[in-house]
C-alpha atoms as a PDB file:
ATOM      1  CA  UNK A   1      24.116   7.951 -16.279  1.00  0.00           C
ATOM      2  CA  UNK A   2      20.183   6.749 -15.831  1.00  0.00           C
ATOM      3  CA  UNK A   3      18.674   6.573 -12.268  1.00  0.00           C
ATOM      4  CA  UNK A   4      18.201   3.392 -10.879  1.00  0.00           C
ATOM      5  CA  UNK A   5      15.105   2.827  -8.850  1.00  0.00           C
ATOM      6  CA  UNK A   6      14.217  -0.623  -7.455  1.00  0.00           C
ATOM      7  CA  UNK A   7      11.071  -1.796  -6.057  1.00  0.00           C
ATOM      8  CA  UNK A   8      10.577  -4.574  -3.386  1.00  0.00           C
ATOM      9  CA  UNK A   9       7.586  -6.409  -3.511  1.00  0.00           C
ATOM     10  CA  UNK A  10       7.148  -6.052  -7.132  1.00  0.00           C
ATOM     11  CA  UNK A  11       5.007  -8.555  -7.527  1.00  0.00           C
ATOM     12  CA  UNK A  12       2.268  -7.438  -5.272  1.00  0.00           C
ATOM     13  CA  UNK A  13      -0.832  -4.850  -6.586  1.00  0.00           C
ATOM     14  CA  UNK A  14       1.188  -1.733  -5.657  1.00  0.00           C
ATOM     15  CA  UNK A  15       4.731  -2.773  -6.810  1.00  0.00           C
ATOM     16  CA  UNK A  16       2.838  -4.361 -10.427  1.00  0.00           C
ATOM     17  CA  UNK A  17       1.403  -0.427 -10.845  1.00  0.00           C
ATOM     18  CA  UNK A  18       5.086   1.058  -9.854  1.00  0.00           C
ATOM     19  CA  UNK A  19       6.176  -1.242 -12.751  1.00  0.00           C
ATOM     20  CA  UNK A  20       3.507   0.061 -15.001  1.00  0.00           C
ATOM     21  CA  UNK A  21       4.242   3.783 -14.254  1.00  0.00           C
ATOM     22  CA  UNK A  22       7.868   3.894 -14.457  1.00  0.00           C
ATOM     23  CA  UNK A  23       7.617   1.772 -17.854  1.00  0.00           C
ATOM     24  CA  UNK A  24       5.068   4.514 -19.086  1.00  0.00           C
ATOM     25  CA  UNK A  25       6.404   7.520 -17.502  1.00  0.00           C
ATOM     26  CA  UNK A  26      10.272   7.199 -17.431  1.00  0.00           C
ATOM     27  CA  UNK A  27      13.469   6.188 -18.929  1.00  0.00           C
ATOM     28  CA  UNK A  28      15.177   5.413 -15.604  1.00  0.00           C
ATOM     29  CA  UNK A  29      16.232   1.722 -15.000  1.00  0.00           C
ATOM     30  CA  UNK A  30      13.289   0.031 -13.038  1.00  0.00           C
ATOM     31  CA  UNK A  31      14.500  -3.058 -11.216  1.00  0.00           C
ATOM     32  CA  UNK A  32      11.862  -5.249  -9.592  1.00  0.00           C
ATOM     33  CA  UNK A  33      12.050  -7.745  -6.776  1.00  0.00           C
ATOM     34  CA  UNK A  34      10.480  -9.852  -4.781  1.00  0.00           C
ATOM     35  CA  UNK A  35      10.450 -13.718  -3.707  1.00  0.00           C
ATOM     36  CA  UNK A  36       9.931 -16.044  -6.237  1.00  0.00           C
ATOM     37  CA  UNK A  37       9.389 -15.930 -10.235  1.00  0.00           C
ATOM     38  CA  UNK A  38       8.497 -12.326 -11.705  1.00  0.00           C
ATOM     39  CA  UNK A  39       4.163 -12.218 -11.907  1.00  0.00           C
ATOM     40  CA  UNK A  40       4.240  -8.861 -14.144  1.00  0.00           C
ATOM     41  CA  UNK A  41       3.157  -9.332 -17.741  1.00  0.00           C
ATOM     42  CA  UNK A  42       5.749  -7.279 -19.252  1.00  0.00           C
ATOM     43  CA  UNK A  43       8.371  -9.172 -17.513  1.00  0.00           C
ATOM     44  CA  UNK A  44      10.626  -9.418 -20.843  1.00  0.00           C
ATOM     45  CA  UNK A  45      10.401  -5.439 -20.791  1.00  0.00           C
ATOM     46  CA  UNK A  46      12.238  -4.411 -17.331  1.00  0.00           C
ATOM     47  CA  UNK A  47      15.128  -6.423 -14.866  1.00  0.00           C
ATOM     48  CA  UNK A  48      13.750  -8.580 -12.134  1.00  0.00           C
ATOM     49  CA  UNK A  49      15.635 -10.129  -9.406  1.00  0.00           C
ATOM     50  CA  UNK A  50      15.140 -12.609  -6.713  1.00  0.00           C
ATOM     51  CA  UNK A  51      15.471 -10.891  -3.373  1.00  0.00           C
ATOM     52  CA  UNK A  52      14.245 -11.940   0.117  1.00  0.00           C
ATOM     53  CA  UNK A  53      14.115  -8.472   2.229  1.00  0.00           C
ATOM     54  CA  UNK A  54      14.474 -10.567   5.375  1.00  0.00           C
ATOM     55  CA  UNK A  55      17.716 -11.860   4.309  1.00  0.00           C
ATOM     56  CA  UNK A  56      19.955  -9.556   5.603  1.00  0.00           C
ATOM     57  CA  UNK A  57      23.040 -10.895   4.049  1.00  0.00           C
ATOM     58  CA  UNK A  58      21.139 -10.860   0.611  1.00  0.00           C
ATOM     59  CA  UNK A  59      19.660  -7.322   1.139  1.00  0.00           C
ATOM     60  CA  UNK A  60      23.295  -5.986   1.675  1.00  0.00           C
ATOM     61  CA  UNK A  61      25.090  -8.340  -1.489  1.00  0.00           C
ATOM     62  CA  UNK A  62      22.258  -7.650  -3.894  1.00  0.00           C
ATOM     63  CA  UNK A  63      21.891  -3.924  -2.955  1.00  0.00           C
ATOM     64  CA  UNK A  64      25.497  -2.808  -3.171  1.00  0.00           C
ATOM     65  CA  UNK A  65      25.893  -4.806  -6.435  1.00  0.00           C
ATOM     66  CA  UNK A  66      22.829  -2.622  -7.782  1.00  0.00           C
ATOM     67  CA  UNK A  67      23.586   0.339  -6.310  1.00  0.00           C
ATOM     68  CA  UNK A  68      19.598   1.819  -6.869  1.00  0.00           C
ATOM     69  CA  UNK A  69      19.452   5.649  -6.327  1.00  0.00           C
ATOM     70  CA  UNK A  70      16.248   5.048  -5.172  1.00  0.00           C
ATOM     71  CA  UNK A  71      14.461   1.579  -2.985  1.00  0.00           C
ATOM     72  CA  UNK A  72      10.298   1.905  -2.963  1.00  0.00           C
ATOM     73  CA  UNK A  73       9.653  -0.816  -0.428  1.00  0.00           C
ATOM     74  CA  UNK A  74       6.105  -1.973  -1.215  1.00  0.00           C
ATOM     75  CA  UNK A  75       6.820  -5.256   0.740  1.00  0.00           C
ATOM     76  CA  UNK A  76       4.830  -6.069   3.960  1.00  0.00           C
ATOM     77  CA  UNK A  77       3.037  -8.645   5.873  1.00  0.00           C
ATOM     78  CA  UNK A  78      -0.606  -6.632   5.326  1.00  0.00           C
ATOM     79  CA  UNK A  79      -3.150  -9.294   6.758  1.00  0.00           C
ATOM     80  CA  UNK A  80      -4.005  -7.757   9.864  1.00  0.00           C
ATOM     81  CA  UNK A  81      -5.603 -10.930  11.555  1.00  0.00           C
ATOM     82  CA  UNK A  82      -2.462 -13.420  10.398  1.00  0.00           C
ATOM     83  CA  UNK A  83      -0.205 -10.855  11.831  1.00  0.00           C
ATOM     84  CA  UNK A  84      -2.045 -11.117  15.266  1.00  0.00           C
ATOM     85  CA  UNK A  85      -1.316 -14.788  15.402  1.00  0.00           C
ATOM     86  CA  UNK A  86       2.021 -14.762  13.434  1.00  0.00           C
ATOM     87  CA  UNK A  87       4.237 -12.439  15.151  1.00  0.00           C
ATOM     88  CA  UNK A  88       7.422 -13.546  14.037  1.00  0.00           C
ATOM     89  CA  UNK A  89       6.262 -13.637  10.527  1.00  0.00           C
ATOM     90  CA  UNK A  90       5.390 -10.198  11.173  1.00  0.00           C
ATOM     91  CA  UNK A  91       8.143  -8.878  12.446  1.00  0.00           C
ATOM     92  CA  UNK A  92      10.508 -10.481  10.172  1.00  0.00           C
ATOM     93  CA  UNK A  93       8.767  -8.946   6.937  1.00  0.00           C
ATOM     94  CA  UNK A  94       7.619  -5.330   8.679  1.00  0.00           C
ATOM     95  CA  UNK A  95      10.458  -4.220  11.079  1.00  0.00           C
ATOM     96  CA  UNK A  96      13.751  -6.376  10.624  1.00  0.00           C
ATOM     97  CA  UNK A  97      13.364  -6.248   6.904  1.00  0.00           C
ATOM     98  CA  UNK A  98      12.701  -2.610   7.085  1.00  0.00           C
ATOM     99  CA  UNK A  99      16.068  -2.472   9.316  1.00  0.00           C
ATOM    100  CA  UNK A 100      18.089  -3.821   6.564  1.00  0.00           C
ATOM    101  CA  UNK A 101      16.808  -1.582   3.948  1.00  0.00           C
ATOM    102  CA  UNK A 102      17.783   1.685   5.926  1.00  0.00           C
ATOM    103  CA  UNK A 103      21.080   0.073   6.625  1.00  0.00           C
ATOM    104  CA  UNK A 104      21.990  -0.778   3.063  1.00  0.00           C
ATOM    105  CA  UNK A 105      20.164   2.230   1.772  1.00  0.00           C
ATOM    106  CA  UNK A 106      22.567   4.219   4.067  1.00  0.00           C
ATOM    107  CA  UNK A 107      25.488   2.263   2.734  1.00  0.00           C
ATOM    108  CA  UNK A 108      24.912   3.139  -0.747  1.00  0.00           C
ATOM    109  CA  UNK A 109      23.666   6.181  -0.517  1.00  0.00           C
ATOM    110  CA  UNK A 110      20.180   5.676  -1.654  1.00  0.00           C
ATOM    111  CA  UNK A 111      16.940   7.723  -1.396  1.00  0.00           C
ATOM    112  CA  UNK A 112      14.699   5.065   0.728  1.00  0.00           C
ATOM    113  CA  UNK A 113      10.449   5.281  -0.309  1.00  0.00           C
ATOM    114  CA  UNK A 114       8.727   3.147   2.501  1.00  0.00           C
ATOM    115  CA  UNK A 115       4.763   2.533   2.341  1.00  0.00           C
ATOM    116  CA  UNK A 116       3.120   2.853   5.953  1.00  0.00           C
ATOM    117  CA  UNK A 117      -0.741   2.691   7.120  1.00  0.00           C
ATOM    118  CA  UNK A 118      -3.398   4.453   8.617  1.00  0.00           C
ATOM    119  CA  UNK A 119      -3.565   1.224  10.937  1.00  0.00           C
ATOM    120  CA  UNK A 120      -0.805   2.972  13.330  1.00  0.00           C
ATOM    121  CA  UNK A 121      -3.458   5.182  14.275  1.00  0.00           C
ATOM    122  CA  UNK A 122      -6.083   4.381  17.288  1.00  0.00           C
ATOM    123  CA  UNK A 123      -8.988   5.509  15.273  1.00  0.00           C
ATOM    124  CA  UNK A 124     -10.379   7.594  17.843  1.00  0.00           C
ATOM    125  CA  UNK A 125     -11.099  10.420  14.981  1.00  0.00           C
ATOM    126  CA  UNK A 126     -10.344  11.392  11.231  1.00  0.00           C
ATOM    127  CA  UNK A 127      -9.384  12.591   8.655  1.00  0.00           C
ATOM    128  CA  UNK A 128      -5.619  12.688  10.018  1.00  0.00           C
ATOM    129  CA  UNK A 129      -2.537  14.784   9.232  1.00  0.00           C
ATOM    130  CA  UNK A 130       0.794  13.764   8.996  1.00  0.00           C
ATOM    131  CA  UNK A 131       1.169  15.212  12.792  1.00  0.00           C
ATOM    132  CA  UNK A 132      -1.062  12.937  14.752  1.00  0.00           C
ATOM    133  CA  UNK A 133       0.472  10.372  17.184  1.00  0.00           C
ATOM    134  CA  UNK A 134       0.619   6.950  16.179  1.00  0.00           C
ATOM    135  CA  UNK A 135      -1.268   4.580  18.898  1.00  0.00           C
ATOM    136  CA  UNK A 136      -1.923   1.314  17.087  1.00  0.00           C
ATOM    137  CA  UNK A 137      -4.682  -1.218  17.872  1.00  0.00           C
ATOM    138  CA  UNK A 138      -3.312  -4.256  16.546  1.00  0.00           C
ATOM    139  CA  UNK A 139      -0.021  -6.033  16.394  1.00  0.00           C
ATOM    140  CA  UNK A 140      -0.071  -5.241  12.652  1.00  0.00           C
ATOM    141  CA  UNK A 141      -0.615  -1.696  13.498  1.00  0.00           C
ATOM    142  CA  UNK A 142       2.406  -1.819  15.856  1.00  0.00           C
ATOM    143  CA  UNK A 143       4.928  -3.491  13.480  1.00  0.00           C
ATOM    144  CA  UNK A 144       4.268  -1.054  10.801  1.00  0.00           C
ATOM    145  CA  UNK A 145       5.104   1.821  13.406  1.00  0.00           C
ATOM    146  CA  UNK A 146       8.523  -0.105  14.592  1.00  0.00           C
ATOM    147  CA  UNK A 147       8.999   0.092  10.832  1.00  0.00           C
ATOM    148  CA  UNK A 148       8.371   3.696  10.368  1.00  0.00           C
ATOM    149  CA  UNK A 149      10.773   4.404  13.631  1.00  0.00           C
ATOM    150  CA  UNK A 150      13.582   2.236  11.962  1.00  0.00           C
ATOM    151  CA  UNK A 151      13.093   4.705   9.242  1.00  0.00           C
ATOM    152  CA  UNK A 152      12.697   7.830  11.097  1.00  0.00           C
ATOM    153  CA  UNK A 153      15.331   7.060  13.440  1.00  0.00           C
ATOM    154  CA  UNK A 154      18.417   5.705  10.916  1.00  0.00           C
ATOM    155  CA  UNK A 155      18.011   6.283   7.424  1.00  0.00           C
ATOM    156  CA  UNK A 156      19.839   9.480   5.924  1.00  0.00           C
ATOM    157  CA  UNK A 157      17.526   9.844   3.079  1.00  0.00           C
ATOM    158  CA  UNK A 158      14.054   8.892   3.260  1.00  0.00           C
ATOM    159  CA  UNK A 159      10.250   9.323   2.596  1.00  0.00           C
ATOM    160  CA  UNK A 160       7.362   7.612   4.556  1.00  0.00           C
ATOM    161  CA  UNK A 161       3.972   7.525   2.143  1.00  0.00           C
ATOM    162  CA  UNK A 162       1.162   6.366   4.628  1.00  0.00           C
ATOM    163  CA  UNK A 163      -1.803   5.106   2.420  1.00  0.00           C
ATOM    164  CA  UNK A 164      -5.228   3.863   3.411  1.00  0.00           C
ATOM    165  CA  UNK A 165      -7.335   0.875   2.320  1.00  0.00           C
ATOM    166  CA  UNK A 166      -5.713   0.234  -1.158  1.00  0.00           C
ATOM    167  CA  UNK A 167      -7.765  -1.461  -4.000  1.00  0.00           C
ATOM    168  CA  UNK A 168      -7.266  -1.991  -7.452  1.00  0.00           C
ATOM    169  CA  UNK A 169      -6.796  -5.178  -9.960  1.00  0.00           C
ATOM    170  CA  UNK A 170      -3.834  -6.476 -12.090  1.00  0.00           C
ATOM    171  CA  UNK A 171      -3.921  -9.657 -14.044  1.00  0.00           C
ATOM    172  CA  UNK A 172      -1.859 -11.784 -11.413  1.00  0.00           C
ATOM    173  CA  UNK A 173      -3.146 -10.954  -8.302  1.00  0.00           C
ATOM    174  CA  UNK A 174      -1.832 -12.468  -5.069  1.00  0.00           C
ATOM    175  CA  UNK A 175      -4.820 -11.743  -2.897  1.00  0.00           C
ATOM    176  CA  UNK A 176      -7.774  -9.408  -3.177  1.00  0.00           C
ATOM    177  CA  UNK A 177      -8.921  -6.262  -1.604  1.00  0.00           C
ATOM    178  CA  UNK A 178     -11.951  -4.822  -0.124  1.00  0.00           C
ATOM    179  CA  UNK A 179     -13.652  -3.521  -3.724  1.00  0.00           C
ATOM    180  CA  UNK A 180     -12.863  -6.692  -5.693  1.00  0.00           C
ATOM    181  CA  UNK A 181     -14.561  -8.690  -3.007  1.00  0.00           C
ATOM    182  CA  UNK A 182     -17.714  -6.315  -2.734  1.00  0.00           C
ATOM    183  CA  UNK A 183     -18.221  -6.722  -6.390  1.00  0.00           C
ATOM    184  CA  UNK A 184     -17.384 -10.092  -6.654  1.00  0.00           C
ATOM    185  CA  UNK A 185     -19.773 -10.870  -3.696  1.00  0.00           C
ATOM    186  CA  UNK A 186     -22.560  -8.240  -5.281  1.00  0.00           C
ATOM    187  CA  UNK A 187     -22.405  -9.742  -8.409  1.00  0.00           C
ATOM    188  CA  UNK A 188     -23.383 -13.486  -6.852  1.00  0.00           C
ATOM    189  CA  UNK A 189     -25.923 -11.737  -4.258  1.00  0.00           C
ATOM    190  CA  UNK A 190     -23.996 -13.716  -1.661  1.00  0.00           C
ATOM    191  CA  UNK A 191     -25.245 -12.299   1.704  1.00  0.00           C
ATOM    192  CA  UNK A 192     -22.886  -9.796   2.627  1.00  0.00           C
ATOM    193  CA  UNK A 193     -22.055  -8.412   6.372  1.00  0.00           C
ATOM    194  CA  UNK A 194     -20.555  -5.122   6.431  1.00  0.00           C
ATOM    195  CA  UNK A 195     -19.341  -3.003   8.987  1.00  0.00           C
ATOM    196  CA  UNK A 196     -21.016   0.021   9.627  1.00  0.00           C
ATOM    197  CA  UNK A 197     -18.743   1.729  12.212  1.00  0.00           C
ATOM    198  CA  UNK A 198     -15.275   2.151  10.086  1.00  0.00           C
ATOM    199  CA  UNK A 199     -14.381   5.019   8.254  1.00  0.00           C
ATOM    200  CA  UNK A 200     -11.643   5.574   5.535  1.00  0.00           C
ATOM    201  CA  UNK A 201     -10.509   7.181   2.375  1.00  0.00           C
ATOM    202  CA  UNK A 202      -9.721   4.191   0.126  1.00  0.00           C
ATOM    203  CA  UNK A 203      -7.017   4.919  -1.978  1.00  0.00           C
ATOM    204  CA  UNK A 204      -6.382   3.441  -5.845  1.00  0.00           C
ATOM    205  CA  UNK A 205      -3.464   1.900  -6.307  1.00  0.00           C
ATOM    206  CA  UNK A 206      -2.567   3.830  -9.488  1.00  0.00           C
ATOM    207  CA  UNK A 207      -2.824   6.944  -7.073  1.00  0.00           C
ATOM    208  CA  UNK A 208      -0.802   5.299  -4.580  1.00  0.00           C
ATOM    209  CA  UNK A 209       1.884   4.200  -7.204  1.00  0.00           C
ATOM    210  CA  UNK A 210       1.849   7.983  -8.600  1.00  0.00           C
ATOM    211  CA  UNK A 211       2.483   9.622  -5.114  1.00  0.00           C
ATOM    212  CA  UNK A 212       5.596   7.233  -5.096  1.00  0.00           C
ATOM    213  CA  UNK A 213       6.634   8.057  -8.573  1.00  0.00           C
ATOM    214  CA  UNK A 214       6.161  11.768  -7.311  1.00  0.00           C
ATOM    215  CA  UNK A 215       8.215  11.317  -3.916  1.00  0.00           C
ATOM    216  CA  UNK A 216      11.330   9.610  -6.223  1.00  0.00           C
ATOM    217  CA  UNK A 217      11.247  12.129  -8.860  1.00  0.00           C
ATOM    218  CA  UNK A 218      10.839  15.442  -6.706  1.00  0.00           C
ATOM    219  CA  UNK A 219      13.374  13.880  -3.989  1.00  0.00           C
ATOM    220  CA  UNK A 220      10.730  14.301  -1.187  1.00  0.00           C
ATOM    221  CA  UNK A 221      11.802  13.649   2.325  1.00  0.00           C
ATOM    222  CA  UNK A 222       9.627  13.249   5.311  1.00  0.00           C
ATOM    223  CA  UNK A 223       6.233  12.011   6.040  1.00  0.00           C
ATOM    224  CA  UNK A 224       3.189  12.190   3.719  1.00  0.00           C
ATOM    225  CA  UNK A 225      -0.434  11.200   3.429  1.00  0.00           C
ATOM    226  CA  UNK A 226      -1.147   9.588   0.247  1.00  0.00           C
ATOM    227  CA  UNK A 227      -4.811   8.215  -0.058  1.00  0.00           C
ATOM    228  CA  UNK A 228      -8.236   8.966  -1.991  1.00  0.00           C
ATOM    229  CA  UNK A 229      -9.987  11.987  -1.215  1.00  0.00           C
ATOM    230  CA  UNK A 230     -13.463  10.798  -0.687  1.00  0.00           C
ATOM    231  CA  UNK A 231     -13.938  10.010   3.055  1.00  0.00           C
ATOM    232  CA  UNK A 232     -16.651   7.324   3.408  1.00  0.00           C
ATOM    233  CA  UNK A 233     -17.901   4.348   5.876  1.00  0.00           C
ATOM    234  CA  UNK A 234     -17.000   0.656   4.764  1.00  0.00           C
ATOM    235  CA  UNK A 235     -21.170   0.129   4.421  1.00  0.00           C
ATOM    236  CA  UNK A 236     -20.884   3.316   2.126  1.00  0.00           C
ATOM    237  CA  UNK A 237     -18.113   1.779   0.269  1.00  0.00           C
ATOM    238  CA  UNK A 238     -19.864  -1.590  -0.442  1.00  0.00           C
ATOM    239  CA  UNK A 239     -23.002   0.456  -1.718  1.00  0.00           C
ATOM    240  CA  UNK A 240     -21.299   3.052  -4.082  1.00  0.00           C
ATOM    241  CA  UNK A 241     -19.830  -0.136  -5.600  1.00  0.00           C
ATOM    242  CA  UNK A 242     -23.508  -1.476  -5.808  1.00  0.00           C
ATOM    243  CA  UNK A 243     -24.317   1.851  -7.413  1.00  0.00           C
ATOM    244  CA  UNK A 244     -21.514   2.032 -10.221  1.00  0.00           C
ATOM    245  CA  UNK A 245     -21.705  -1.410 -11.187  1.00  0.00           C
ATOM    246  CA  UNK A 246     -25.437  -1.509 -10.753  1.00  0.00           C
ATOM    247  CA  UNK A 247     -26.232  -4.246  -8.719  1.00  0.00           C
ATOM    248  CA  UNK A 248     -28.915  -5.205  -6.277  1.00  0.00           C
ATOM    249  CA  UNK A 249     -27.843  -4.166  -2.541  1.00  0.00           C
ATOM    250  CA  UNK A 250     -30.226  -6.196  -0.801  1.00  0.00           C
ATOM    251  CA  UNK A 251     -27.887  -8.845  -0.131  1.00  0.00           C
ATOM    252  CA  UNK A 252     -25.990  -6.143   2.038  1.00  0.00           C
ATOM    253  CA  UNK A 253     -26.545  -6.399   5.740  1.00  0.00           C
ATOM    254  CA  UNK A 254     -24.961  -3.829   8.178  1.00  0.00           C
ATOM    255  CA  UNK A 255     -23.092  -4.553  11.507  1.00  0.00           C
ATOM    256  CA  UNK A 256     -21.034  -2.910  14.186  1.00  0.00           C
ATOM    257  CA  UNK A 257     -17.312  -4.438  14.188  1.00  0.00           C
ATOM    258  CA  UNK A 258     -17.543  -6.343  17.117  1.00  0.00           C
ATOM    259  CA  UNK A 259     -20.352  -8.633  16.234  1.00  0.00           C
ATOM    260  CA  UNK A 260     -17.682  -9.878  13.535  1.00  0.00           C
ATOM    261  CA  UNK A 261     -15.046 -10.629  16.488  1.00  0.00           C
ATOM    262  CA  UNK A 262     -12.091 -10.456  14.255  1.00  0.00           C
ATOM    263  CA  UNK A 263      -8.547 -11.379  15.728  1.00  0.00           C
ATOM    264  CA  UNK A 264      -7.208  -7.785  15.541  1.00  0.00           C
ATOM    265  CA  UNK A 265      -9.118  -4.682  16.277  1.00  0.00           C
ATOM    266  CA  UNK A 266      -9.479  -2.324  13.327  1.00  0.00           C
ATOM    267  CA  UNK A 267      -9.135   1.735  14.074  1.00  0.00           C
ATOM    268  CA  UNK A 268     -12.904   2.808  13.463  1.00  0.00           C
ATOM    269  CA  UNK A 269     -12.222   6.156  12.184  1.00  0.00           C
ATOM    270  CA  UNK A 270      -9.091   6.823   9.882  1.00  0.00           C
ATOM    271  CA  UNK A 271      -8.563   8.620   6.471  1.00  0.00           C
ATOM    272  CA  UNK A 272      -6.019  10.942   5.571  1.00  0.00           C
ATOM    273  CA  UNK A 273      -5.696  14.685   5.103  1.00  0.00           C
ATOM    274  CA  UNK A 274      -3.740  14.960   1.880  1.00  0.00           C
ATOM    275  CA  UNK A 275      -3.139  18.501   1.718  1.00  0.00           C
ATOM    276  CA  UNK A 276       0.638  18.155   2.233  1.00  0.00           C
ATOM    277  CA  UNK A 277       1.069  15.651  -0.670  1.00  0.00           C
ATOM    278  CA  UNK A 278      -1.188  18.057  -3.043  1.00  0.00           C
ATOM    279  CA  UNK A 279       0.961  21.093  -2.137  1.00  0.00           C
ATOM    280  CA  UNK A 280       4.705  19.619  -2.079  1.00  0.00           C
ATOM    281  CA  UNK A 281       4.413  16.719  -4.377  1.00  0.00           C
ATOM    282  CA  UNK A 282       1.829  17.997  -6.803  1.00  0.00           C
ATOM    283  CA  UNK A 283      -0.628  14.469  -5.907  1.00  0.00           C
ATOM    284  CA  UNK A 284      -4.146  14.488  -6.745  1.00  0.00           C
ATOM    285  CA  UNK A 285      -5.889  11.387  -6.543  1.00  0.00           C
ATOM    286  CA  UNK A 286      -9.342  10.023  -8.285  1.00  0.00           C
ATOM    287  CA  UNK A 287     -12.396  10.324  -6.741  1.00  0.00           C
ATOM    288  CA  UNK A 288     -13.793   7.131  -5.834  1.00  0.00           C
ATOM    289  CA  UNK A 289     -16.105   6.778  -8.849  1.00  0.00           C
ATOM    290  CA  UNK A 290     -13.397   7.256 -11.007  1.00  0.00           C
ATOM    291  CA  UNK A 291     -10.910   4.964  -9.188  1.00  0.00           C
ATOM    292  CA  UNK A 292     -13.940   2.410 -10.047  1.00  0.00           C
ATOM    293  CA  UNK A 293     -13.766   3.662 -13.643  1.00  0.00           C
ATOM    294  CA  UNK A 294     -10.302   2.858 -13.726  1.00  0.00           C
ATOM    295  CA  UNK A 295     -10.614  -0.661 -11.965  1.00  0.00           C
ATOM    296  CA  UNK A 296     -13.583  -1.602 -14.427  1.00  0.00           C
ATOM    297  CA  UNK A 297     -11.427  -0.918 -17.419  1.00  0.00           C
ATOM    298  CA  UNK A 298      -8.716  -3.426 -16.367  1.00  0.00           C
ATOM    299  CA  UNK A 299     -11.104  -6.094 -15.663  1.00  0.00           C
ATOM    300  CA  UNK A 300     -10.725  -9.661 -17.265  1.00  0.00           C
ATOM    301  CA  UNK A 301     -13.583  -9.427 -20.363  1.00  0.00           C
ATOM    302  CA  UNK A 302     -16.018 -12.311 -20.293  1.00  0.00           C
END
């Protein structure tokens, strides 16, 4: 029998990239799920179910009915500042829903692949290995760390994939990301304030999807860093976007994080060391400019 792979949050950026990957790379049965109607342009080529993972009864019923071999949980509340003001909503999706997926995975014997974040760290140094001790600065970071603990403490078969600053484009975007924001502002020459004291390894959505695919196909167990390989400041990221697309950088002004006065604290330095994923999964991400080339090829032609 063909293996079944259920993707939660399949209407999001990563979820749609996973659907694309599974439709082209394998003959496994891929099942997308989310709240509301399917937004993927190839919706007729795969199964989609409406599933609210914050509803425990619904999770138990649907997962028992479908009996997937693997569940890839891409769903999360990722608006860092919104999490700071909506603790209940943040916990429902980033902690409670993870608990429901863990329990259901255990009950049906499924492999759970859960996506986590660099924001579980305090950002005093980087890039970071999988062995770094989490110390979140924001409510979002704490919620994602608590979600991780639900998995590591209770799940019988799991992979946790931590990632950083995911960017990319799909035909029906629910929200933007830093590269699309930077490109849009640079194109219009809008004045931009960009932080010069935060450092990351930005991740192409296709690369993160491939990391999930590799973890699933190799039945990987444990925690893996899945990110880009280029370590850079946020200001450098914006300048590199400008250089790639040929935009004038004079509209960009740099500033410290404190001046922006955002609701949630961001870790100053993160980024990931990806040696474990390279060695155990065969993961090899694009360079940042290669990622921009992929993104450019997918932008609507005007």
